[in-house]
């Protein structure tokens, strides 16, 4: 019996050592950035200008040449409640008098609760890499263990690809394309269906007001001011194709959106800049890669426009 237990122990030990060793190799080899969180490794020590938001923040703000002072906190489909959690955790990295742009997309204040989405748990995993357990929604210690320390365990077939090939993820190539070079009709309908029809409205065609996210925006504004950071709400530019299809199908949508944002503005006194219908952008297809996201050139123009319109100097 004793010999059997020793054999079992040795077997388990060998498996454990192999697992740790392979996991170490996997983590050293893995250069992918599928969830776009690697940028957090090079966050400036003292941020003077930043933005939060979803993909509209991720793609629409280009701080090229200012990376030592500016930072883009945005991640795809990120909601204001996570903008709040990110600021709360990283607030000590902000310079006194810094500026924070807070994008307000249509699904920022309308739509279902984030945790009700089918893809929530998968999307939520990315925050285990950049936030403490206390700031993560529906925190799960097993997920934390896998994501932070044993990612190879859940890598599946990607494990072999990562260990034996070059896994560096190139910069999203779409950001370097122009909407003017392609037909964006199908893309526009897809974005409209995903962001508005299937998210903002319920099965009866009634708009869903997300009080949780509206409350998070207000709290983020307050927390910014408590930390001497200037909050500015922004609705990023869209091509007219996107806003046209919304207006054609939901004639009162923009009126209802403006009313909700104005409630926030009236209650908090925050600055708000709406570029959704800005003549400088709505027809500028060379500055977009699809109907509602700027490309790298357009994002530079947009940042310059914001700095000019708000009177902000980055130095």
C-alpha atoms as a PDB file:
ATOM      1  CA  UNK A   1       0.000   0.000   0.000  1.00  0.00           C
ATOM      2  CA  UNK A   2       2.841   2.340   0.916  1.00  0.00           C
ATOM      3  CA  UNK A   3       4.568   1.711  -2.437  1.00  0.00           C
ATOM      4  CA  UNK A   4       1.316   2.364  -4.258  1.00  0.00           C
ATOM      5  CA  UNK A   5       0.820   5.706  -2.479  1.00  0.00           C
ATOM      6  CA  UNK A   6       4.412   6.669  -3.282  1.00  0.00           C
ATOM      7  CA  UNK A   7       3.821   5.876  -6.962  1.00  0.00           C
ATOM      8  CA  UNK A   8       0.636   7.933  -6.951  1.00  0.00           C
ATOM      9  CA  UNK A   9       2.433  10.828  -5.280  1.00  0.00           C
ATOM     10  CA  UNK A  10       5.317  10.673  -7.790  1.00  0.00           C
ATOM     11  CA  UNK A  11       2.855  10.498 -10.687  1.00  0.00           C
ATOM     12  CA  UNK A  12       0.897  13.500  -9.408  1.00  0.00           C
ATOM     13  CA  UNK A  13       4.128  15.395  -8.796  1.00  0.00           C
ATOM     14  CA  UNK A  14       5.351  14.711 -12.347  1.00  0.00           C
ATOM     15  CA  UNK A  15       2.024  15.901 -13.787  1.00  0.00           C
ATOM     16  CA  UNK A  16       2.153  19.035 -11.622  1.00  0.00           C
ATOM     17  CA  UNK A  17       5.733  19.834 -12.657  1.00  0.00           C
ATOM     18  CA  UNK A  18       4.919  19.280 -16.334  1.00  0.00           C
ATOM     19  CA  UNK A  19       1.825  21.464 -16.062  1.00  0.00           C
ATOM     20  CA  UNK A  20       3.752  24.303 -14.426  1.00  0.00           C
ATOM     21  CA  UNK A  21       6.603  23.977 -16.941  1.00  0.00           C
ATOM     22  CA  UNK A  22       4.313  23.929 -19.980  1.00  0.00           C
ATOM     23  CA  UNK A  23       2.293  26.807 -18.569  1.00  0.00           C
ATOM     24  CA  UNK A  24       5.511  28.808 -18.106  1.00  0.00           C
ATOM     25  CA  UNK A  25       6.503  28.147 -21.726  1.00  0.00           C
ATOM     26  CA  UNK A  26       3.014  29.077 -22.899  1.00  0.00           C
ATOM     27  CA  UNK A  27       3.018  32.377 -20.986  1.00  0.00           C
ATOM     28  CA  UNK A  28       6.494  33.281 -22.253  1.00  0.00           C
ATOM     29  CA  UNK A  29       5.572  32.472 -25.851  1.00  0.00           C
ATOM     30  CA  UNK A  30       2.137  34.056 -25.861  1.00  0.00           C
ATOM     31  CA  UNK A  31       2.370  37.475 -27.502  1.00  0.00           C
ATOM     32  CA  UNK A  32      -1.234  37.637 -28.616  1.00  0.00           C
ATOM     33  CA  UNK A  33      -3.511  40.440 -27.530  1.00  0.00           C
ATOM     34  CA  UNK A  34      -6.928  39.127 -28.402  1.00  0.00           C
ATOM     35  CA  UNK A  35      -8.629  41.055 -25.600  1.00  0.00           C
ATOM     36  CA  UNK A  36      -6.614  44.274 -26.160  1.00  0.00           C
ATOM     37  CA  UNK A  37      -5.379  44.471 -22.553  1.00  0.00           C
ATOM     38  CA  UNK A  38      -1.621  44.416 -23.177  1.00  0.00           C
ATOM     39  CA  UNK A  39      -1.635  48.197 -23.503  1.00  0.00           C
ATOM     40  CA  UNK A  40      -2.204  48.345 -19.747  1.00  0.00           C
ATOM     41  CA  UNK A  41       1.374  47.106 -19.308  1.00  0.00           C
ATOM     42  CA  UNK A  42       2.673  50.388 -20.735  1.00  0.00           C
ATOM     43  CA  UNK A  43       0.308  52.824 -19.035  1.00  0.00           C
ATOM     44  CA  UNK A  44       2.013  56.200 -18.339  1.00  0.00           C
ATOM     45  CA  UNK A  45       3.012  56.874 -14.755  1.00  0.00           C
ATOM     46  CA  UNK A  46       1.227  60.221 -14.862  1.00  0.00           C
ATOM     47  CA  UNK A  47      -1.736  60.502 -17.223  1.00  0.00           C
ATOM     48  CA  UNK A  48      -2.674  64.012 -18.343  1.00  0.00           C
ATOM     49  CA  UNK A  49      -5.306  62.993 -20.907  1.00  0.00           C
ATOM     50  CA  UNK A  50      -7.279  59.788 -21.365  1.00  0.00           C
ATOM     51  CA  UNK A  51     -10.476  58.303 -22.651  1.00  0.00           C
ATOM     52  CA  UNK A  52     -12.694  55.450 -21.574  1.00  0.00           C
ATOM     53  CA  UNK A  53     -15.459  53.733 -23.523  1.00  0.00           C
ATOM     54  CA  UNK A  54     -16.245  50.817 -25.783  1.00  0.00           C
ATOM     55  CA  UNK A  55     -14.870  50.239 -29.281  1.00  0.00           C
ATOM     56  CA  UNK A  56     -15.942  53.803 -30.080  1.00  0.00           C
ATOM     57  CA  UNK A  57     -13.340  54.903 -27.556  1.00  0.00           C
ATOM     58  CA  UNK A  58     -10.836  52.229 -28.503  1.00  0.00           C
ATOM     59  CA  UNK A  59     -10.651  53.180 -32.179  1.00  0.00           C
ATOM     60  CA  UNK A  60     -11.672  56.845 -32.186  1.00  0.00           C
ATOM     61  CA  UNK A  61      -8.836  58.191 -30.004  1.00  0.00           C
ATOM     62  CA  UNK A  62      -5.338  58.144 -31.464  1.00  0.00           C
ATOM     63  CA  UNK A  63      -2.646  59.555 -29.160  1.00  0.00           C
ATOM     64  CA  UNK A  64       0.278  58.898 -31.474  1.00  0.00           C
ATOM     65  CA  UNK A  65       3.259  60.943 -30.284  1.00  0.00           C
ATOM     66  CA  UNK A  66       1.648  61.527 -26.884  1.00  0.00           C
ATOM     67  CA  UNK A  67       1.785  57.972 -25.475  1.00  0.00           C
ATOM     68  CA  UNK A  68       3.916  59.109 -22.525  1.00  0.00           C
ATOM     69  CA  UNK A  69       1.102  61.378 -21.296  1.00  0.00           C
ATOM     70  CA  UNK A  70      -2.119  59.941 -22.717  1.00  0.00           C
ATOM     71  CA  UNK A  71      -3.853  56.602 -22.319  1.00  0.00           C
ATOM     72  CA  UNK A  72      -6.788  54.819 -23.916  1.00  0.00           C
ATOM     73  CA  UNK A  73      -8.723  52.757 -21.335  1.00  0.00           C
ATOM     74  CA  UNK A  74     -11.366  51.670 -23.853  1.00  0.00           C
ATOM     75  CA  UNK A  75     -12.066  48.040 -24.716  1.00  0.00           C
ATOM     76  CA  UNK A  76     -14.597  46.503 -27.136  1.00  0.00           C
ATOM     77  CA  UNK A  77     -18.148  46.559 -25.741  1.00  0.00           C
ATOM     78  CA  UNK A  78     -16.944  48.089 -22.470  1.00  0.00           C
ATOM     79  CA  UNK A  79     -19.757  49.576 -20.417  1.00  0.00           C
ATOM     80  CA  UNK A  80     -19.635  52.701 -18.201  1.00  0.00           C
ATOM     81  CA  UNK A  81     -19.798  50.533 -15.076  1.00  0.00           C
ATOM     82  CA  UNK A  82     -16.380  49.145 -16.013  1.00  0.00           C
ATOM     83  CA  UNK A  83     -15.122  52.614 -16.988  1.00  0.00           C
ATOM     84  CA  UNK A  84     -15.914  53.525 -13.385  1.00  0.00           C
ATOM     85  CA  UNK A  85     -14.114  50.508 -11.944  1.00  0.00           C
ATOM     86  CA  UNK A  86     -11.044  51.164 -14.080  1.00  0.00           C
ATOM     87  CA  UNK A  87     -10.818  54.796 -13.018  1.00  0.00           C
ATOM     88  CA  UNK A  88     -11.346  53.892  -9.390  1.00  0.00           C
ATOM     89  CA  UNK A  89      -8.457  51.412  -9.506  1.00  0.00           C
ATOM     90  CA  UNK A  90      -6.043  53.510 -11.594  1.00  0.00           C
ATOM     91  CA  UNK A  91      -6.917  56.975 -10.265  1.00  0.00           C
ATOM     92  CA  UNK A  92      -3.499  57.378  -8.634  1.00  0.00           C
ATOM     93  CA  UNK A  93      -1.952  57.315 -12.109  1.00  0.00           C
ATOM     94  CA  UNK A  94      -3.620  60.619 -13.053  1.00  0.00           C
ATOM     95  CA  UNK A  95      -1.860  63.961 -12.924  1.00  0.00           C
ATOM     96  CA  UNK A  96      -3.452  66.796 -11.011  1.00  0.00           C
ATOM     97  CA  UNK A  97      -5.813  68.561 -13.414  1.00  0.00           C
ATOM     98  CA  UNK A  98      -5.881  65.730 -15.955  1.00  0.00           C
ATOM     99  CA  UNK A  99      -8.741  65.346 -18.452  1.00  0.00           C
ATOM    100  CA  UNK A 100     -10.888  62.238 -18.964  1.00  0.00           C
ATOM    101  CA  UNK A 101     -13.067  61.882 -22.051  1.00  0.00           C
ATOM    102  CA  UNK A 102     -16.039  59.617 -21.320  1.00  0.00           C
ATOM    103  CA  UNK A 103     -17.641  58.388 -24.558  1.00  0.00           C
ATOM    104  CA  UNK A 104     -21.394  57.904 -24.408  1.00  0.00           C
ATOM    105  CA  UNK A 105     -22.545  55.513 -27.107  1.00  0.00           C
ATOM    106  CA  UNK A 106     -26.184  54.683 -27.705  1.00  0.00           C
ATOM    107  CA  UNK A 107     -25.833  51.359 -25.923  1.00  0.00           C
ATOM    108  CA  UNK A 108     -24.109  53.079 -22.983  1.00  0.00           C
ATOM    109  CA  UNK A 109     -27.427  54.209 -21.561  1.00  0.00           C
ATOM    110  CA  UNK A 110     -29.902  51.974 -23.364  1.00  0.00           C
ATOM    111  CA  UNK A 111     -30.043  48.192 -23.392  1.00  0.00           C
ATOM    112  CA  UNK A 112     -30.077  45.221 -21.058  1.00  0.00           C
ATOM    113  CA  UNK A 113     -27.924  44.746 -17.986  1.00  0.00           C
ATOM    114  CA  UNK A 114     -24.449  43.653 -19.059  1.00  0.00           C
ATOM    115  CA  UNK A 115     -24.450  40.424 -17.060  1.00  0.00           C
ATOM    116  CA  UNK A 116     -27.581  39.282 -18.925  1.00  0.00           C
ATOM    117  CA  UNK A 117     -25.725  39.118 -22.242  1.00  0.00           C
ATOM    118  CA  UNK A 118     -24.855  35.666 -23.519  1.00  0.00           C
ATOM    119  CA  UNK A 119     -21.200  36.560 -24.004  1.00  0.00           C
ATOM    120  CA  UNK A 120     -20.745  38.312 -20.663  1.00  0.00           C
ATOM    121  CA  UNK A 121     -18.580  35.718 -18.896  1.00  0.00           C
ATOM    122  CA  UNK A 122     -16.224  35.375 -21.845  1.00  0.00           C
ATOM    123  CA  UNK A 123     -15.865  39.141 -22.147  1.00  0.00           C
ATOM    124  CA  UNK A 124     -15.531  39.538 -18.388  1.00  0.00           C
ATOM    125  CA  UNK A 125     -12.368  37.386 -18.304  1.00  0.00           C
ATOM    126  CA  UNK A 126     -10.232  40.221 -19.655  1.00  0.00           C
ATOM    127  CA  UNK A 127     -10.683  42.242 -16.483  1.00  0.00           C
ATOM    128  CA  UNK A 128      -8.963  39.570 -14.385  1.00  0.00           C
ATOM    129  CA  UNK A 129      -5.730  40.725 -16.040  1.00  0.00           C
ATOM    130  CA  UNK A 130      -6.095  44.412 -15.259  1.00  0.00           C
ATOM    131  CA  UNK A 131      -8.297  44.754 -12.154  1.00  0.00           C
ATOM    132  CA  UNK A 132      -8.266  43.351  -8.607  1.00  0.00           C
ATOM    133  CA  UNK A 133     -10.804  40.739  -7.568  1.00  0.00           C
ATOM    134  CA  UNK A 134     -12.898  43.307  -5.691  1.00  0.00           C
ATOM    135  CA  UNK A 135     -13.514  45.287  -8.901  1.00  0.00           C
ATOM    136  CA  UNK A 136     -14.570  42.387 -11.122  1.00  0.00           C
ATOM    137  CA  UNK A 137     -18.227  41.642 -11.726  1.00  0.00           C
ATOM    138  CA  UNK A 138     -19.374  38.170 -10.661  1.00  0.00           C
ATOM    139  CA  UNK A 139     -15.838  37.347  -9.540  1.00  0.00           C
ATOM    140  CA  UNK A 140     -14.919  33.657  -9.730  1.00  0.00           C
ATOM    141  CA  UNK A 141     -11.724  32.446  -8.072  1.00  0.00           C
ATOM    142  CA  UNK A 142     -11.315  29.520 -10.485  1.00  0.00           C
ATOM    143  CA  UNK A 143     -11.493  31.827 -13.484  1.00  0.00           C
ATOM    144  CA  UNK A 144      -8.983  34.105 -11.769  1.00  0.00           C
ATOM    145  CA  UNK A 145      -6.581  31.204 -11.283  1.00  0.00           C
ATOM    146  CA  UNK A 146      -6.800  30.134 -14.919  1.00  0.00           C
ATOM    147  CA  UNK A 147      -6.576  33.625 -16.412  1.00  0.00           C
ATOM    148  CA  UNK A 148      -3.763  34.997 -14.251  1.00  0.00           C
ATOM    149  CA  UNK A 149      -1.659  31.949 -13.483  1.00  0.00           C
ATOM    150  CA  UNK A 150      -2.648  28.925 -15.605  1.00  0.00           C
ATOM    151  CA  UNK A 151      -3.886  30.237 -18.946  1.00  0.00           C
ATOM    152  CA  UNK A 152      -2.526  27.184 -20.763  1.00  0.00           C
ATOM    153  CA  UNK A 153      -5.126  24.978 -19.045  1.00  0.00           C
ATOM    154  CA  UNK A 154      -7.992  26.592 -20.937  1.00  0.00           C
ATOM    155  CA  UNK A 155      -6.081  27.435 -24.124  1.00  0.00           C
ATOM    156  CA  UNK A 156      -7.256  24.316 -25.960  1.00  0.00           C
ATOM    157  CA  UNK A 157      -5.848  24.009 -29.473  1.00  0.00           C
ATOM    158  CA  UNK A 158      -4.299  27.481 -29.118  1.00  0.00           C
ATOM    159  CA  UNK A 159      -1.780  25.935 -26.718  1.00  0.00           C
ATOM    160  CA  UNK A 160       0.094  24.129 -29.496  1.00  0.00           C
ATOM    161  CA  UNK A 161      -0.179  27.102 -31.849  1.00  0.00           C
ATOM    162  CA  UNK A 162       1.237  29.386 -29.173  1.00  0.00           C
ATOM    163  CA  UNK A 163       4.085  27.108 -28.103  1.00  0.00           C
ATOM    164  CA  UNK A 164       5.242  26.041 -31.560  1.00  0.00           C
ATOM    165  CA  UNK A 165       4.484  29.074 -33.764  1.00  0.00           C
ATOM    166  CA  UNK A 166       4.672  32.853 -33.746  1.00  0.00           C
ATOM    167  CA  UNK A 167       1.518  34.023 -31.955  1.00  0.00           C
ATOM    168  CA  UNK A 168       2.029  37.773 -32.056  1.00  0.00           C
ATOM    169  CA  UNK A 169      -1.262  39.426 -32.922  1.00  0.00           C
ATOM    170  CA  UNK A 170      -0.944  42.177 -35.545  1.00  0.00           C
ATOM    171  CA  UNK A 171      -2.573  45.530 -34.979  1.00  0.00           C
ATOM    172  CA  UNK A 172      -6.190  45.397 -36.136  1.00  0.00           C
ATOM    173  CA  UNK A 173      -5.725  45.917 -39.862  1.00  0.00           C
ATOM    174  CA  UNK A 174      -9.199  47.447 -40.220  1.00  0.00           C
ATOM    175  CA  UNK A 175      -7.944  50.570 -38.451  1.00  0.00           C
ATOM    176  CA  UNK A 176      -5.733  51.286 -41.456  1.00  0.00           C
ATOM    177  CA  UNK A 177      -8.451  50.966 -44.081  1.00  0.00           C
ATOM    178  CA  UNK A 178     -10.912  53.504 -45.460  1.00  0.00           C
ATOM    179  CA  UNK A 179     -14.667  53.234 -45.708  1.00  0.00           C
ATOM    180  CA  UNK A 180     -14.333  55.076 -49.013  1.00  0.00           C
ATOM    181  CA  UNK A 181     -12.580  52.039 -50.490  1.00  0.00           C
ATOM    182  CA  UNK A 182     -15.410  49.592 -49.843  1.00  0.00           C
ATOM    183  CA  UNK A 183     -19.151  49.105 -49.816  1.00  0.00           C
ATOM    184  CA  UNK A 184     -20.255  49.491 -46.180  1.00  0.00           C
ATOM    185  CA  UNK A 185     -23.959  48.822 -46.772  1.00  0.00           C
ATOM    186  CA  UNK A 186     -23.944  45.354 -45.213  1.00  0.00           C
ATOM    187  CA  UNK A 187     -21.693  46.500 -42.385  1.00  0.00           C
ATOM    188  CA  UNK A 188     -24.027  49.385 -41.594  1.00  0.00           C
ATOM    189  CA  UNK A 189     -27.029  47.094 -41.381  1.00  0.00           C
ATOM    190  CA  UNK A 190     -25.080  44.633 -39.211  1.00  0.00           C
ATOM    191  CA  UNK A 191     -24.030  47.344 -36.767  1.00  0.00           C
ATOM    192  CA  UNK A 192     -27.532  48.767 -36.638  1.00  0.00           C
ATOM    193  CA  UNK A 193     -29.037  45.337 -35.966  1.00  0.00           C
ATOM    194  CA  UNK A 194     -26.481  44.400 -33.305  1.00  0.00           C
ATOM    195  CA  UNK A 195     -26.191  47.694 -31.458  1.00  0.00           C
ATOM    196  CA  UNK A 196     -29.717  49.046 -31.746  1.00  0.00           C
ATOM    197  CA  UNK A 197     -32.351  46.504 -32.809  1.00  0.00           C
ATOM    198  CA  UNK A 198     -31.105  43.523 -30.794  1.00  0.00           C
ATOM    199  CA  UNK A 199     -29.694  45.398 -27.811  1.00  0.00           C
ATOM    200  CA  UNK A 200     -31.419  48.709 -27.190  1.00  0.00           C
ATOM    201  CA  UNK A 201     -34.979  47.531 -27.852  1.00  0.00           C
ATOM    202  CA  UNK A 202     -36.865  44.634 -26.292  1.00  0.00           C
ATOM    203  CA  UNK A 203     -38.978  42.058 -28.147  1.00  0.00           C
ATOM    204  CA  UNK A 204     -41.984  44.376 -28.047  1.00  0.00           C
ATOM    205  CA  UNK A 205     -40.065  47.218 -29.661  1.00  0.00           C
ATOM    206  CA  UNK A 206     -39.813  49.201 -26.431  1.00  0.00           C
ATOM    207  CA  UNK A 207     -36.586  51.001 -25.646  1.00  0.00           C
ATOM    208  CA  UNK A 208     -34.715  49.714 -22.580  1.00  0.00           C
ATOM    209  CA  UNK A 209     -33.286  52.366 -20.277  1.00  0.00           C
ATOM    210  CA  UNK A 210     -30.222  51.086 -18.424  1.00  0.00           C
ATOM    211  CA  UNK A 211     -30.337  52.882 -15.092  1.00  0.00           C
ATOM    212  CA  UNK A 212     -27.294  50.967 -13.817  1.00  0.00           C
ATOM    213  CA  UNK A 213     -25.046  52.362 -16.544  1.00  0.00           C
ATOM    214  CA  UNK A 214     -26.541  55.853 -16.306  1.00  0.00           C
ATOM    215  CA  UNK A 215     -25.780  55.764 -12.582  1.00  0.00           C
ATOM    216  CA  UNK A 216     -22.222  54.613 -13.331  1.00  0.00           C
ATOM    217  CA  UNK A 217     -21.670  57.579 -15.651  1.00  0.00           C
ATOM    218  CA  UNK A 218     -22.817  59.974 -12.943  1.00  0.00           C
ATOM    219  CA  UNK A 219     -20.625  58.279 -10.352  1.00  0.00           C
ATOM    220  CA  UNK A 220     -17.612  58.385 -12.684  1.00  0.00           C
ATOM    221  CA  UNK A 221     -18.129  62.114 -13.230  1.00  0.00           C
ATOM    222  CA  UNK A 222     -18.256  62.665  -9.471  1.00  0.00           C
ATOM    223  CA  UNK A 223     -15.197  60.503  -8.802  1.00  0.00           C
ATOM    224  CA  UNK A 224     -13.195  62.305 -11.489  1.00  0.00           C
ATOM    225  CA  UNK A 225     -13.905  65.644  -9.836  1.00  0.00           C
ATOM    226  CA  UNK A 226     -13.033  64.284  -6.395  1.00  0.00           C
ATOM    227  CA  UNK A 227      -9.619  63.429  -7.824  1.00  0.00           C
ATOM    228  CA  UNK A 228      -9.191  66.765  -9.631  1.00  0.00           C
ATOM    229  CA  UNK A 229      -9.715  65.221 -13.061  1.00  0.00           C
ATOM    230  CA  UNK A 230     -11.862  67.106 -15.580  1.00  0.00           C
ATOM    231  CA  UNK A 231     -14.597  64.792 -16.960  1.00  0.00           C
ATOM    232  CA  UNK A 232     -15.997  65.454 -20.429  1.00  0.00           C
ATOM    233  CA  UNK A 233     -18.793  63.423 -22.005  1.00  0.00           C
ATOM    234  CA  UNK A 234     -18.407  62.733 -25.716  1.00  0.00           C
ATOM    235  CA  UNK A 235     -20.475  61.038 -28.385  1.00  0.00           C
ATOM    236  CA  UNK A 236     -17.999  60.077 -31.081  1.00  0.00           C
ATOM    237  CA  UNK A 237     -18.480  60.686 -34.823  1.00  0.00           C
ATOM    238  CA  UNK A 238     -20.501  58.426 -37.109  1.00  0.00           C
ATOM    239  CA  UNK A 239     -20.974  58.349 -40.839  1.00  0.00           C
ATOM    240  CA  UNK A 240     -24.435  59.512 -41.873  1.00  0.00           C
ATOM    241  CA  UNK A 241     -25.133  55.966 -43.119  1.00  0.00           C
ATOM    242  CA  UNK A 242     -25.331  54.761 -39.520  1.00  0.00           C
ATOM    243  CA  UNK A 243     -27.466  57.577 -38.118  1.00  0.00           C
ATOM    244  CA  UNK A 244     -29.711  57.562 -41.194  1.00  0.00           C
ATOM    245  CA  UNK A 245     -30.661  53.903 -40.786  1.00  0.00           C
ATOM    246  CA  UNK A 246     -31.449  54.476 -37.108  1.00  0.00           C
ATOM    247  CA  UNK A 247     -33.631  57.496 -37.827  1.00  0.00           C
ATOM    248  CA  UNK A 248     -35.448  55.697 -40.642  1.00  0.00           C
ATOM    249  CA  UNK A 249     -36.426  52.809 -38.366  1.00  0.00           C
ATOM    250  CA  UNK A 250     -36.777  54.615 -35.016  1.00  0.00           C
ATOM    251  CA  UNK A 251     -37.703  58.261 -35.721  1.00  0.00           C
ATOM    252  CA  UNK A 252     -37.733  59.278 -32.037  1.00  0.00           C
ATOM    253  CA  UNK A 253     -34.516  57.498 -31.028  1.00  0.00           C
ATOM    254  CA  UNK A 254     -32.147  60.463 -31.067  1.00  0.00           C
ATOM    255  CA  UNK A 255     -34.629  62.662 -29.241  1.00  0.00           C
ATOM    256  CA  UNK A 256     -34.843  60.077 -26.465  1.00  0.00           C
ATOM    257  CA  UNK A 257     -31.073  59.634 -26.365  1.00  0.00           C
ATOM    258  CA  UNK A 258     -30.478  63.384 -26.171  1.00  0.00           C
ATOM    259  CA  UNK A 259     -33.045  63.679 -23.388  1.00  0.00           C
ATOM    260  CA  UNK A 260     -31.264  61.051 -21.261  1.00  0.00           C
ATOM    261  CA  UNK A 261     -27.846  62.593 -21.807  1.00  0.00           C
ATOM    262  CA  UNK A 262     -29.223  66.039 -21.031  1.00  0.00           C
ATOM    263  CA  UNK A 263     -30.557  64.686 -17.741  1.00  0.00           C
ATOM    264  CA  UNK A 264     -27.009  63.667 -16.831  1.00  0.00           C
ATOM    265  CA  UNK A 265     -25.658  67.047 -17.944  1.00  0.00           C
ATOM    266  CA  UNK A 266     -28.280  68.977 -15.974  1.00  0.00           C
ATOM    267  CA  UNK A 267     -27.757  66.906 -12.836  1.00  0.00           C
ATOM    268  CA  UNK A 268     -23.944  66.927 -12.859  1.00  0.00           C
ATOM    269  CA  UNK A 269     -23.063  70.052 -14.823  1.00  0.00           C
ATOM    270  CA  UNK A 270     -20.621  68.012 -16.921  1.00  0.00           C
ATOM    271  CA  UNK A 271     -19.451  69.210 -20.331  1.00  0.00           C
ATOM    272  CA  UNK A 272     -20.847  67.292 -23.299  1.00  0.00           C
ATOM    273  CA  UNK A 273     -19.771  67.289 -26.944  1.00  0.00           C
ATOM    274  CA  UNK A 274     -21.852  65.413 -29.503  1.00  0.00           C
ATOM    275  CA  UNK A 275     -20.128  64.640 -32.828  1.00  0.00           C
ATOM    276  CA  UNK A 276     -22.700  62.139 -34.118  1.00  0.00           C
ATOM    277  CA  UNK A 277     -23.993  64.639 -36.679  1.00  0.00           C
ATOM    278  CA  UNK A 278     -20.919  66.839 -36.996  1.00  0.00           C
ATOM    279  CA  UNK A 279     -20.514  68.117 -40.565  1.00  0.00           C
ATOM    280  CA  UNK A 280     -16.755  67.679 -40.300  1.00  0.00           C
ATOM    281  CA  UNK A 281     -17.149  63.906 -40.017  1.00  0.00           C
ATOM    282  CA  UNK A 282     -20.518  62.586 -41.239  1.00  0.00           C
ATOM    283  CA  UNK A 283     -19.401  62.403 -44.886  1.00  0.00           C
ATOM    284  CA  UNK A 284     -15.660  61.924 -44.390  1.00  0.00           C
ATOM    285  CA  UNK A 285     -15.351  58.290 -45.481  1.00  0.00           C
ATOM    286  CA  UNK A 286     -11.581  58.543 -45.683  1.00  0.00           C
ATOM    287  CA  UNK A 287     -11.552  58.961 -41.891  1.00  0.00           C
ATOM    288  CA  UNK A 288     -13.627  55.858 -41.063  1.00  0.00           C
ATOM    289  CA  UNK A 289     -13.034  52.151 -41.529  1.00  0.00           C
ATOM    290  CA  UNK A 290     -16.741  51.346 -41.167  1.00  0.00           C
ATOM    291  CA  UNK A 291     -19.972  53.206 -40.491  1.00  0.00           C
ATOM    292  CA  UNK A 292     -19.333  53.996 -36.813  1.00  0.00           C
ATOM    293  CA  UNK A 293     -15.583  53.706 -36.148  1.00  0.00           C
ATOM    294  CA  UNK A 294     -12.829  56.080 -37.184  1.00  0.00           C
ATOM    295  CA  UNK A 295      -9.637  54.755 -38.732  1.00  0.00           C
ATOM    296  CA  UNK A 296      -6.170  55.729 -37.491  1.00  0.00           C
ATOM    297  CA  UNK A 297      -6.131  58.940 -39.536  1.00  0.00           C
ATOM    298  CA  UNK A 298      -9.644  59.931 -38.523  1.00  0.00           C
ATOM    299  CA  UNK A 299      -8.849  59.212 -34.876  1.00  0.00           C
ATOM    300  CA  UNK A 300      -5.907  61.649 -35.027  1.00  0.00           C
ATOM    301  CA  UNK A 301      -8.160  64.281 -36.561  1.00  0.00           C
ATOM    302  CA  UNK A 302     -10.809  63.637 -33.923  1.00  0.00           C
ATOM    303  CA  UNK A 303      -8.379  64.028 -31.012  1.00  0.00           C
ATOM    304  CA  UNK A 304      -7.087  67.270 -32.524  1.00  0.00           C
ATOM    305  CA  UNK A 305     -10.686  68.443 -32.967  1.00  0.00           C
ATOM    306  CA  UNK A 306     -11.552  67.606 -29.373  1.00  0.00           C
ATOM    307  CA  UNK A 307      -8.500  69.423 -28.022  1.00  0.00           C
ATOM    308  CA  UNK A 308      -9.373  72.477 -30.094  1.00  0.00           C
ATOM    309  CA  UNK A 309     -13.086  72.479 -29.219  1.00  0.00           C
ATOM    310  CA  UNK A 310     -12.434  71.997 -25.486  1.00  0.00           C
ATOM    311  CA  UNK A 311      -9.430  74.324 -25.257  1.00  0.00           C
ATOM    312  CA  UNK A 312      -7.207  71.571 -23.887  1.00  0.00           C
ATOM    313  CA  UNK A 313      -3.430  71.664 -24.289  1.00  0.00           C
ATOM    314  CA  UNK A 314      -1.438  68.471 -23.788  1.00  0.00           C
ATOM    315  CA  UNK A 315       2.050  69.222 -22.514  1.00  0.00           C
END
